[in-house]
Amino acid sequence: MAISQSATSVAPRSRKSPSTPTNPISFIDHPDFEKLTESKLQGECPESLYDATQPPAQLNEQSPTTNRMIHQLLTPTGEAFLFKKMNFMKFKASRVQFDRNDGGPNPSAKARYERFLEESKKARSAIVEANLRLVASIAQKFARTRNDFEDLVSEGNMILVNAVDKFDYSRGFRFSTYATHAIQRHYYRVMQRQQRRQNREVNTSSEILGDVVPSRDLDAPLDHKIADALIDHFEQCLDEREMVIIRERFGLNEEQSSETLKSVAKKVGLSKERVRQLQMNAIEKLQDLALKLNLRLEPTF
């Protein structure tokens, strides 16, 4: 039995359960939930959740990330059923919480609560998996390199999961339309951030020191003790690859000589563009850490 859907201009009916404020359950409410039972819901399940008419996706030997995203696509009725089930099970779990807080739990309350949440998670996972290839297809349009693609897919997956939680299936729209808009908006913001980073291209060690130490003579050498202290802070916020790049680029290595992007790229086995991107990411992390620690380095002259 297919689920009837009607388009409406009403905003999604997001509700939080009347449970303890530290652990609310958010879900998209529906008028049917008050009278709906699990058996009735199961009776609404279509014969097939997945679209058998869609050709299977081809594996891409060059992209393991894309291959992990190959899952069957949902039919419109299958998609609507899973969204309804996901939110109904959250609704049922919220009612168990309500009873537990106000009247005390019966012996099976905890088990029922956990079962409702587990059923909701299963439906949610099925929706996410069926739409992973959507993330990959959008990421390919924005990515300039394979590394860009991997990063965009990772961020896009988080946006996808968030979109699943906020989507109101009862309005009659396909989830793919809603998710596409959300993912594209996020990617446009990512592109804007990258453009700002390119405009702040850093080429010398004096520039990074100028960002962190405003009063320093930009041509003065960096005192070794100060460098050691700075490296200690590096280890709090940078991964191993970022630390290598920063040390080599800004003369914080044993030779105390700055290396070119090309030289560093050869050492770490990455492209010049990727090293530049990681360098900018690391600098932003260091700037944030310097502000948190109120770090002030004194000049040595």
C-alpha atoms as a PDB file:
ATOM      1  CA  MET A   1       0.000   0.000   0.000  1.00  0.00           C
ATOM      2  CA  ALA A   2       1.572   3.257  -1.101  1.00  0.00           C
ATOM      3  CA  ILE A   3       1.686   6.299   1.121  1.00  0.00           C
ATOM      4  CA  SER A   4      -0.374   9.212  -0.110  1.00  0.00           C
ATOM      5  CA  GLN A   5       1.470  12.500  -0.327  1.00  0.00           C
ATOM      6  CA  SER A   6       0.143  15.992  -0.799  1.00  0.00           C
ATOM      7  CA  ALA A   7       2.173  19.114  -1.428  1.00  0.00           C
ATOM      8  CA  THR A   8       1.711  21.909   1.049  1.00  0.00           C
ATOM      9  CA  SER A   9       3.374  25.202   1.832  1.00  0.00           C
ATOM     10  CA  VAL A  10       3.423  24.502   5.552  1.00  0.00           C
ATOM     11  CA  ALA A  11       6.913  24.394   7.061  1.00  0.00           C
ATOM     12  CA  PRO A  12       8.237  21.039   8.327  1.00  0.00           C
ATOM     13  CA  ARG A  13       6.659  20.089  11.631  1.00  0.00           C
ATOM     14  CA  SER A  14       9.728  19.392  13.672  1.00  0.00           C
ATOM     15  CA  ARG A  15       8.969  18.323  17.202  1.00  0.00           C
ATOM     16  CA  LYS A  16      11.161  17.583  20.178  1.00  0.00           C
ATOM     17  CA  SER A  17      10.064  14.954  22.641  1.00  0.00           C
ATOM     18  CA  PRO A  18       8.884  16.086  26.102  1.00  0.00           C
ATOM     19  CA  SER A  19      11.739  14.198  27.714  1.00  0.00           C
ATOM     20  CA  THR A  20      14.721  15.360  29.675  1.00  0.00           C
ATOM     21  CA  PRO A  21      16.111  18.536  28.064  1.00  0.00           C
ATOM     22  CA  THR A  22      19.585  17.011  27.828  1.00  0.00           C
ATOM     23  CA  ASN A  23      18.478  14.192  25.538  1.00  0.00           C
ATOM     24  CA  PRO A  24      15.593  15.318  23.301  1.00  0.00           C
ATOM     25  CA  ILE A  25      14.517  13.323  20.265  1.00  0.00           C
ATOM     26  CA  SER A  26      13.846  15.525  17.247  1.00  0.00           C
ATOM     27  CA  PHE A  27      11.604  14.277  14.467  1.00  0.00           C
ATOM     28  CA  ILE A  28       9.264  15.530  11.744  1.00  0.00           C
ATOM     29  CA  ASP A  29       5.761  15.132  13.139  1.00  0.00           C
ATOM     30  CA  HIS A  30       2.752  13.900  11.169  1.00  0.00           C
ATOM     31  CA  PRO A  31      -0.994  13.897  12.028  1.00  0.00           C
ATOM     32  CA  ASP A  32      -1.136  10.135  11.414  1.00  0.00           C
ATOM     33  CA  PHE A  33       1.308   9.340  14.198  1.00  0.00           C
ATOM     34  CA  GLU A  34      -1.201   9.691  17.048  1.00  0.00           C
ATOM     35  CA  LYS A  35      -3.365   6.833  15.746  1.00  0.00           C
ATOM     36  CA  LEU A  36      -0.793   4.903  13.748  1.00  0.00           C
ATOM     37  CA  THR A  37       0.408   1.513  14.964  1.00  0.00           C
ATOM     38  CA  GLU A  38       3.437  -0.490  13.930  1.00  0.00           C
ATOM     39  CA  SER A  39       1.272  -3.112  12.242  1.00  0.00           C
ATOM     40  CA  LYS A  40      -0.579  -0.463  10.233  1.00  0.00           C
ATOM     41  CA  LEU A  41       2.712   1.126   9.238  1.00  0.00           C
ATOM     42  CA  GLN A  42       4.062  -2.214   8.088  1.00  0.00           C
ATOM     43  CA  GLY A  43       0.931  -2.661   5.994  1.00  0.00           C
ATOM     44  CA  GLU A  44       1.857   0.520   4.122  1.00  0.00           C
ATOM     45  CA  CYS A  45       5.237  -0.886   3.102  1.00  0.00           C
ATOM     46  CA  PRO A  46       5.427  -1.156  -0.709  1.00  0.00           C
ATOM     47  CA  GLU A  47       6.285  -4.490  -2.282  1.00  0.00           C
ATOM     48  CA  SER A  48       9.696  -3.179  -3.224  1.00  0.00           C
ATOM     49  CA  LEU A  49      11.526  -0.281  -1.623  1.00  0.00           C
ATOM     50  CA  TYR A  50      14.092  -0.087  -4.388  1.00  0.00           C
ATOM     51  CA  ASP A  51      13.892   0.839  -8.048  1.00  0.00           C
ATOM     52  CA  ALA A  52      14.563  -2.288 -10.088  1.00  0.00           C
ATOM     53  CA  THR A  53      14.379  -0.338 -13.364  1.00  0.00           C
ATOM     54  CA  GLN A  54      17.573   1.581 -12.627  1.00  0.00           C
ATOM     55  CA  PRO A  55      20.672   0.029 -14.248  1.00  0.00           C
ATOM     56  CA  PRO A  56      23.379  -0.993 -11.762  1.00  0.00           C
ATOM     57  CA  ALA A  57      26.121   1.568 -11.304  1.00  0.00           C
ATOM     58  CA  GLN A  58      29.488   0.696 -12.808  1.00  0.00           C
ATOM     59  CA  LEU A  59      32.503   0.306 -10.551  1.00  0.00           C
ATOM     60  CA  ASN A  60      35.242   2.874 -11.033  1.00  0.00           C
ATOM     61  CA  GLU A  61      38.707   1.392 -10.581  1.00  0.00           C
ATOM     62  CA  GLN A  62      40.165   4.878 -10.136  1.00  0.00           C
ATOM     63  CA  SER A  63      37.794   5.921  -7.361  1.00  0.00           C
ATOM     64  CA  PRO A  64      37.345   3.623  -4.334  1.00  0.00           C
ATOM     65  CA  THR A  65      35.367   6.402  -2.657  1.00  0.00           C
ATOM     66  CA  THR A  66      32.778   6.377  -5.426  1.00  0.00           C
ATOM     67  CA  ASN A  67      32.564   2.585  -5.358  1.00  0.00           C
ATOM     68  CA  ARG A  68      31.686   2.634  -1.673  1.00  0.00           C
ATOM     69  CA  MET A  69      28.702   4.801  -2.554  1.00  0.00           C
ATOM     70  CA  ILE A  70      27.089   2.418  -5.006  1.00  0.00           C
ATOM     71  CA  HIS A  71      23.746   1.380  -3.533  1.00  0.00           C
ATOM     72  CA  GLN A  72      20.313   0.743  -4.978  1.00  0.00           C
ATOM     73  CA  LEU A  73      18.060   3.742  -5.530  1.00  0.00           C
ATOM     74  CA  LEU A  74      14.732   4.022  -3.718  1.00  0.00           C
ATOM     75  CA  THR A  75      11.371   4.275  -5.446  1.00  0.00           C
ATOM     76  CA  PRO A  76       9.247   7.335  -4.545  1.00  0.00           C
ATOM     77  CA  THR A  77       6.921   5.183  -2.418  1.00  0.00           C
ATOM     78  CA  GLY A  78       9.852   3.316  -0.870  1.00  0.00           C
ATOM     79  CA  GLU A  79      11.525   6.593   0.030  1.00  0.00           C
ATOM     80  CA  ALA A  80       8.335   7.999   1.557  1.00  0.00           C
ATOM     81  CA  PHE A  81       7.782   4.820   3.557  1.00  0.00           C
ATOM     82  CA  LEU A  82      11.288   4.885   5.034  1.00  0.00           C
ATOM     83  CA  PHE A  83      10.986   8.557   5.991  1.00  0.00           C
ATOM     84  CA  LYS A  84       7.635   7.888   7.618  1.00  0.00           C
ATOM     85  CA  LYS A  85       9.021   4.873   9.467  1.00  0.00           C
ATOM     86  CA  MET A  86      12.125   6.763  10.618  1.00  0.00           C
ATOM     87  CA  ASN A  87      10.114   9.619  12.099  1.00  0.00           C
ATOM     88  CA  PHE A  88       7.312   7.422  13.478  1.00  0.00           C
ATOM     89  CA  MET A  89       9.805   5.285  15.372  1.00  0.00           C
ATOM     90  CA  LYS A  90      11.361   8.432  16.844  1.00  0.00           C
ATOM     91  CA  PHE A  91       7.853   9.534  17.806  1.00  0.00           C
ATOM     92  CA  LYS A  92       7.252   6.195  19.542  1.00  0.00           C
ATOM     93  CA  ALA A  93      10.587   6.428  21.357  1.00  0.00           C
ATOM     94  CA  SER A  94       9.743   9.942  22.531  1.00  0.00           C
ATOM     95  CA  ARG A  95       6.498   8.647  24.029  1.00  0.00           C
ATOM     96  CA  VAL A  96       8.395   6.007  25.967  1.00  0.00           C
ATOM     97  CA  GLN A  97      10.658   8.734  27.316  1.00  0.00           C
ATOM     98  CA  PHE A  98       7.609  10.778  28.296  1.00  0.00           C
ATOM     99  CA  ASP A  99       6.066   7.859  30.196  1.00  0.00           C
ATOM    100  CA  ARG A 100       9.375   7.095  31.842  1.00  0.00           C
ATOM    101  CA  ASN A 101       9.827  10.655  33.099  1.00  0.00           C
ATOM    102  CA  ASP A 102       6.295  11.196  34.370  1.00  0.00           C
ATOM    103  CA  GLY A 103       5.031   7.843  35.529  1.00  0.00           C
ATOM    104  CA  GLY A 104       8.080   5.685  35.954  1.00  0.00           C
ATOM    105  CA  PRO A 105       9.099   2.970  33.518  1.00  0.00           C
ATOM    106  CA  ASN A 106       7.487  -0.415  33.266  1.00  0.00           C
ATOM    107  CA  PRO A 107       9.863  -3.385  32.978  1.00  0.00           C
ATOM    108  CA  SER A 108       9.873  -3.312  29.173  1.00  0.00           C
ATOM    109  CA  ALA A 109      10.110   0.476  28.703  1.00  0.00           C
ATOM    110  CA  LYS A 110      13.860   0.576  28.150  1.00  0.00           C
ATOM    111  CA  ALA A 111      13.759  -2.319  25.696  1.00  0.00           C
ATOM    112  CA  ARG A 112      10.928  -0.719  23.724  1.00  0.00           C
ATOM    113  CA  TYR A 113      12.701   2.635  23.698  1.00  0.00           C
ATOM    114  CA  GLU A 114      15.918   1.100  22.355  1.00  0.00           C
ATOM    115  CA  ARG A 115      14.040  -0.969  19.767  1.00  0.00           C
ATOM    116  CA  PHE A 116      12.192   2.095  18.433  1.00  0.00           C
ATOM    117  CA  LEU A 117      15.438   4.027  18.070  1.00  0.00           C
ATOM    118  CA  GLU A 118      17.161   1.069  16.413  1.00  0.00           C
ATOM    119  CA  GLU A 119      14.342   0.737  13.857  1.00  0.00           C
ATOM    120  CA  SER A 120      14.557   4.471  13.189  1.00  0.00           C
ATOM    121  CA  LYS A 121      18.323   4.235  12.646  1.00  0.00           C
ATOM    122  CA  LYS A 122      17.898   1.355  10.191  1.00  0.00           C
ATOM    123  CA  ALA A 123      15.433   3.360   8.099  1.00  0.00           C
ATOM    124  CA  ARG A 124      17.698   6.396   8.258  1.00  0.00           C
ATOM    125  CA  SER A 125      20.740   4.391   7.150  1.00  0.00           C
ATOM    126  CA  ALA A 126      18.821   2.945   4.200  1.00  0.00           C
ATOM    127  CA  ILE A 127      17.871   6.453   3.047  1.00  0.00           C
ATOM    128  CA  VAL A 128      21.422   7.756   3.426  1.00  0.00           C
ATOM    129  CA  GLU A 129      22.979   4.818   1.573  1.00  0.00           C
ATOM    130  CA  ALA A 130      20.515   5.127  -1.301  1.00  0.00           C
ATOM    131  CA  ASN A 131      21.540   8.767  -1.766  1.00  0.00           C
ATOM    132  CA  LEU A 132      25.324   8.511  -1.401  1.00  0.00           C
ATOM    133  CA  ARG A 133      25.817   8.443  -5.145  1.00  0.00           C
ATOM    134  CA  LEU A 134      23.969  11.774  -5.303  1.00  0.00           C
ATOM    135  CA  VAL A 135      26.705  13.299  -3.135  1.00  0.00           C
ATOM    136  CA  ALA A 136      29.394  11.868  -5.408  1.00  0.00           C
ATOM    137  CA  SER A 137      27.753  13.182  -8.570  1.00  0.00           C
ATOM    138  CA  ILE A 138      27.476  16.711  -7.150  1.00  0.00           C
ATOM    139  CA  ALA A 139      31.015  16.628  -5.742  1.00  0.00           C
ATOM    140  CA  GLN A 140      32.400  15.717  -9.173  1.00  0.00           C
ATOM    141  CA  LYS A 141      30.975  18.944 -10.593  1.00  0.00           C
ATOM    142  CA  PHE A 142      32.755  21.067  -7.986  1.00  0.00           C
ATOM    143  CA  ALA A 143      36.038  19.160  -7.576  1.00  0.00           C
ATOM    144  CA  ARG A 144      39.129  20.253  -9.464  1.00  0.00           C
ATOM    145  CA  THR A 145      41.374  17.424  -8.273  1.00  0.00           C
ATOM    146  CA  ARG A 146      40.909  13.961  -6.810  1.00  0.00           C
ATOM    147  CA  ASN A 147      41.848  15.309  -3.386  1.00  0.00           C
ATOM    148  CA  ASP A 148      39.194  17.985  -3.754  1.00  0.00           C
ATOM    149  CA  PHE A 149      36.698  15.269  -4.631  1.00  0.00           C
ATOM    150  CA  GLU A 150      37.518  13.209  -1.532  1.00  0.00           C
ATOM    151  CA  ASP A 151      37.158  16.262   0.723  1.00  0.00           C
ATOM    152  CA  LEU A 152      33.901  17.365  -0.885  1.00  0.00           C
ATOM    153  CA  VAL A 153      32.401  13.896  -0.632  1.00  0.00           C
ATOM    154  CA  SER A 154      33.256  13.737   3.069  1.00  0.00           C
ATOM    155  CA  GLU A 155      31.620  17.098   3.744  1.00  0.00           C
ATOM    156  CA  GLY A 156      28.704  16.321   1.440  1.00  0.00           C
ATOM    157  CA  ASN A 157      27.928  13.123   3.331  1.00  0.00           C
ATOM    158  CA  MET A 158      27.541  15.102   6.551  1.00  0.00           C
ATOM    159  CA  ILE A 159      25.182  17.529   4.814  1.00  0.00           C
ATOM    160  CA  LEU A 160      23.228  14.552   3.448  1.00  0.00           C
ATOM    161  CA  VAL A 161      22.736  13.021   6.895  1.00  0.00           C
ATOM    162  CA  ASN A 162      21.569  16.363   8.281  1.00  0.00           C
ATOM    163  CA  ALA A 163      19.159  16.763   5.354  1.00  0.00           C
ATOM    164  CA  VAL A 164      17.646  13.330   6.048  1.00  0.00           C
ATOM    165  CA  ASP A 165      16.834  14.409   9.603  1.00  0.00           C
ATOM    166  CA  LYS A 166      15.182  17.654   8.477  1.00  0.00           C
ATOM    167  CA  PHE A 167      13.262  16.508   5.391  1.00  0.00           C
ATOM    168  CA  ASP A 168       9.439  16.569   5.540  1.00  0.00           C
ATOM    169  CA  TYR A 169       8.396  13.672   3.312  1.00  0.00           C
ATOM    170  CA  SER A 170       4.679  14.506   3.571  1.00  0.00           C
ATOM    171  CA  ARG A 171       5.014  17.604   1.383  1.00  0.00           C
ATOM    172  CA  GLY A 172       5.205  15.410  -1.700  1.00  0.00           C
ATOM    173  CA  PHE A 173       8.663  16.344  -2.957  1.00  0.00           C
ATOM    174  CA  ARG A 174      11.490  13.925  -3.694  1.00  0.00           C
ATOM    175  CA  PHE A 175      14.282  13.976  -1.164  1.00  0.00           C
ATOM    176  CA  SER A 176      16.911  14.181  -3.907  1.00  0.00           C
ATOM    177  CA  THR A 177      15.698  17.686  -4.817  1.00  0.00           C
ATOM    178  CA  TYR A 178      15.927  18.866  -1.209  1.00  0.00           C
ATOM    179  CA  ALA A 179      19.322  17.233  -0.642  1.00  0.00           C
ATOM    180  CA  THR A 180      20.777  18.570  -3.899  1.00  0.00           C
ATOM    181  CA  HIS A 181      19.990  22.153  -2.916  1.00  0.00           C
ATOM    182  CA  ALA A 182      21.472  21.669   0.570  1.00  0.00           C
ATOM    183  CA  ILE A 183      24.678  20.063  -0.728  1.00  0.00           C
ATOM    184  CA  GLN A 184      25.169  22.611  -3.508  1.00  0.00           C
ATOM    185  CA  ARG A 185      24.721  25.522  -1.078  1.00  0.00           C
ATOM    186  CA  HIS A 186      27.395  24.028   1.145  1.00  0.00           C
ATOM    187  CA  TYR A 187      29.779  23.464  -1.768  1.00  0.00           C
ATOM    188  CA  TYR A 188      29.346  27.051  -2.947  1.00  0.00           C
ATOM    189  CA  ARG A 189      30.385  28.206   0.532  1.00  0.00           C
ATOM    190  CA  VAL A 190      33.383  25.863   0.375  1.00  0.00           C
ATOM    191  CA  MET A 191      34.395  27.377  -2.969  1.00  0.00           C
ATOM    192  CA  GLN A 192      34.125  30.872  -1.509  1.00  0.00           C
ATOM    193  CA  ARG A 193      36.391  29.899   1.399  1.00  0.00           C
ATOM    194  CA  GLN A 194      38.930  28.425  -0.985  1.00  0.00           C
ATOM    195  CA  GLN A 195      38.911  31.599  -3.043  1.00  0.00           C
ATOM    196  CA  ARG A 196      39.585  33.678   0.057  1.00  0.00           C
ATOM    197  CA  ARG A 197      42.468  31.372   0.915  1.00  0.00           C
ATOM    198  CA  GLN A 198      43.963  31.800  -2.532  1.00  0.00           C
ATOM    199  CA  ASN A 199      43.774  35.546  -2.093  1.00  0.00           C
ATOM    200  CA  ARG A 200      45.812  35.180   1.088  1.00  0.00           C
ATOM    201  CA  GLU A 201      48.541  33.059  -0.482  1.00  0.00           C
ATOM    202  CA  VAL A 202      51.494  32.828   1.896  1.00  0.00           C
ATOM    203  CA  ASN A 203      54.949  32.519   0.365  1.00  0.00           C
ATOM    204  CA  THR A 204      57.425  33.339   3.127  1.00  0.00           C
ATOM    205  CA  SER A 205      57.940  32.509   6.774  1.00  0.00           C
ATOM    206  CA  SER A 206      57.758  36.193   7.664  1.00  0.00           C
ATOM    207  CA  GLU A 207      54.126  36.310   6.582  1.00  0.00           C
ATOM    208  CA  ILE A 208      52.994  33.501   8.857  1.00  0.00           C
ATOM    209  CA  LEU A 209      54.902  35.099  11.738  1.00  0.00           C
ATOM    210  CA  GLY A 210      53.291  38.417  10.909  1.00  0.00           C
ATOM    211  CA  ASP A 211      49.875  36.827  11.308  1.00  0.00           C
ATOM    212  CA  VAL A 212      50.682  35.354  14.708  1.00  0.00           C
ATOM    213  CA  VAL A 213      53.168  37.934  16.005  1.00  0.00           C
ATOM    214  CA  PRO A 214      52.037  41.407  14.927  1.00  0.00           C
ATOM    215  CA  SER A 215      55.010  43.384  16.319  1.00  0.00           C
ATOM    216  CA  ARG A 216      57.831  41.247  14.930  1.00  0.00           C
ATOM    217  CA  ASP A 217      60.362  42.510  12.365  1.00  0.00           C
ATOM    218  CA  LEU A 218      59.380  40.423   9.358  1.00  0.00           C
ATOM    219  CA  ASP A 219      62.987  40.108   8.176  1.00  0.00           C
ATOM    220  CA  ALA A 220      64.414  39.096  11.552  1.00  0.00           C
ATOM    221  CA  PRO A 221      65.449  35.431  11.989  1.00  0.00           C
ATOM    222  CA  LEU A 222      63.340  33.230  14.210  1.00  0.00           C
ATOM    223  CA  ASP A 223      65.031  32.425  17.526  1.00  0.00           C
ATOM    224  CA  HIS A 224      65.542  28.673  17.967  1.00  0.00           C
ATOM    225  CA  LYS A 225      63.889  28.622  21.412  1.00  0.00           C
ATOM    226  CA  ILE A 226      60.868  30.417  20.025  1.00  0.00           C
ATOM    227  CA  ALA A 227      60.752  27.944  17.161  1.00  0.00           C
ATOM    228  CA  ASP A 228      60.783  25.045  19.619  1.00  0.00           C
ATOM    229  CA  ALA A 229      57.923  26.594  21.588  1.00  0.00           C
ATOM    230  CA  LEU A 230      55.974  27.184  18.409  1.00  0.00           C
ATOM    231  CA  ILE A 231      56.483  23.585  17.298  1.00  0.00           C
ATOM    232  CA  ASP A 232      55.139  22.417  20.657  1.00  0.00           C
ATOM    233  CA  HIS A 233      51.960  24.320  19.881  1.00  0.00           C
ATOM    234  CA  PHE A 234      51.926  22.918  16.355  1.00  0.00           C
ATOM    235  CA  GLU A 235      51.580  19.430  17.765  1.00  0.00           C
ATOM    236  CA  GLN A 236      48.370  20.385  19.535  1.00  0.00           C
ATOM    237  CA  CYS A 237      46.448  21.166  16.378  1.00  0.00           C
ATOM    238  CA  LEU A 238      48.259  19.876  13.281  1.00  0.00           C
ATOM    239  CA  ASP A 239      48.448  16.362  11.915  1.00  0.00           C
ATOM    240  CA  GLU A 240      51.810  14.846  10.959  1.00  0.00           C
ATOM    241  CA  ARG A 241      51.580  15.826   7.302  1.00  0.00           C
ATOM    242  CA  GLU A 242      50.685  19.436   8.103  1.00  0.00           C
ATOM    243  CA  MET A 243      53.553  19.669  10.579  1.00  0.00           C
ATOM    244  CA  VAL A 244      56.045  18.492   7.960  1.00  0.00           C
ATOM    245  CA  ILE A 245      54.781  21.030   5.457  1.00  0.00           C
ATOM    246  CA  ILE A 246      54.880  23.940   7.923  1.00  0.00           C
ATOM    247  CA  ARG A 247      58.356  23.023   9.177  1.00  0.00           C
ATOM    248  CA  GLU A 248      59.767  22.774   5.666  1.00  0.00           C
ATOM    249  CA  ARG A 249      57.997  25.801   4.234  1.00  0.00           C
ATOM    250  CA  PHE A 250      58.823  28.173   7.078  1.00  0.00           C
ATOM    251  CA  GLY A 251      62.338  27.133   8.045  1.00  0.00           C
ATOM    252  CA  LEU A 252      61.426  25.347  11.266  1.00  0.00           C
ATOM    253  CA  ASN A 253      63.409  22.269  10.262  1.00  0.00           C
ATOM    254  CA  GLU A 254      66.918  21.372  11.409  1.00  0.00           C
ATOM    255  CA  GLU A 255      68.479  23.313   8.546  1.00  0.00           C
ATOM    256  CA  GLN A 256      66.320  26.358   9.393  1.00  0.00           C
ATOM    257  CA  SER A 257      65.881  26.968   5.668  1.00  0.00           C
ATOM    258  CA  SER A 258      62.604  27.552   3.887  1.00  0.00           C
ATOM    259  CA  GLU A 259      61.759  25.123   1.103  1.00  0.00           C
ATOM    260  CA  THR A 260      59.748  25.894  -2.015  1.00  0.00           C
ATOM    261  CA  LEU A 261      56.317  24.418  -2.652  1.00  0.00           C
ATOM    262  CA  LYS A 262      57.834  22.265  -5.379  1.00  0.00           C
ATOM    263  CA  SER A 263      60.511  20.907  -3.053  1.00  0.00           C
ATOM    264  CA  VAL A 264      58.065  20.149  -0.243  1.00  0.00           C
ATOM    265  CA  ALA A 265      55.625  18.548  -2.675  1.00  0.00           C
ATOM    266  CA  LYS A 266      58.364  16.181  -3.842  1.00  0.00           C
ATOM    267  CA  LYS A 267      59.262  15.240  -0.261  1.00  0.00           C
ATOM    268  CA  VAL A 268      55.706  14.433   0.835  1.00  0.00           C
ATOM    269  CA  GLY A 269      54.612  12.917  -2.469  1.00  0.00           C
ATOM    270  CA  LEU A 270      51.835  15.402  -3.210  1.00  0.00           C
ATOM    271  CA  SER A 271      51.141  17.968  -5.894  1.00  0.00           C
ATOM    272  CA  LYS A 272      52.166  21.601  -5.390  1.00  0.00           C
ATOM    273  CA  GLU A 273      48.496  22.617  -5.294  1.00  0.00           C
ATOM    274  CA  ARG A 274      47.679  20.057  -2.606  1.00  0.00           C
ATOM    275  CA  VAL A 275      50.641  21.183  -0.487  1.00  0.00           C
ATOM    276  CA  ARG A 276      49.464  24.776  -0.841  1.00  0.00           C
ATOM    277  CA  GLN A 277      45.967  23.805   0.316  1.00  0.00           C
ATOM    278  CA  LEU A 278      47.288  21.891   3.329  1.00  0.00           C
ATOM    279  CA  GLN A 279      49.601  24.803   4.157  1.00  0.00           C
ATOM    280  CA  MET A 280      46.682  27.230   4.231  1.00  0.00           C
ATOM    281  CA  ASN A 281      44.611  24.848   6.356  1.00  0.00           C
ATOM    282  CA  ALA A 282      47.483  24.526   8.825  1.00  0.00           C
ATOM    283  CA  ILE A 283      47.994  28.292   9.026  1.00  0.00           C
ATOM    284  CA  GLU A 284      44.329  28.837   9.830  1.00  0.00           C
ATOM    285  CA  LYS A 285      44.553  26.222  12.597  1.00  0.00           C
ATOM    286  CA  LEU A 286      47.639  27.910  14.045  1.00  0.00           C
ATOM    287  CA  GLN A 287      45.995  31.315  13.975  1.00  0.00           C
ATOM    288  CA  ASP A 288      43.000  29.940  15.876  1.00  0.00           C
ATOM    289  CA  LEU A 289      45.267  28.255  18.427  1.00  0.00           C
ATOM    290  CA  ALA A 290      47.336  31.414  18.899  1.00  0.00           C
ATOM    291  CA  LEU A 291      44.194  33.368  19.715  1.00  0.00           C
ATOM    292  CA  LYS A 292      43.006  30.734  22.193  1.00  0.00           C
ATOM    293  CA  LEU A 293      46.385  30.604  23.952  1.00  0.00           C
ATOM    294  CA  ASN A 294      46.924  34.361  23.747  1.00  0.00           C
ATOM    295  CA  LEU A 295      50.306  33.454  22.257  1.00  0.00           C
ATOM    296  CA  ARG A 296      52.790  36.291  21.991  1.00  0.00           C
ATOM    297  CA  LEU A 297      56.298  35.746  20.647  1.00  0.00           C
ATOM    298  CA  GLU A 298      58.896  38.412  21.295  1.00  0.00           C
ATOM    299  CA  PRO A 299      61.369  39.458  18.581  1.00  0.00           C
ATOM    300  CA  THR A 300      65.024  38.505  19.004  1.00  0.00           C
ATOM    301  CA  PHE A 301      66.506  41.784  17.821  1.00  0.00           C
END
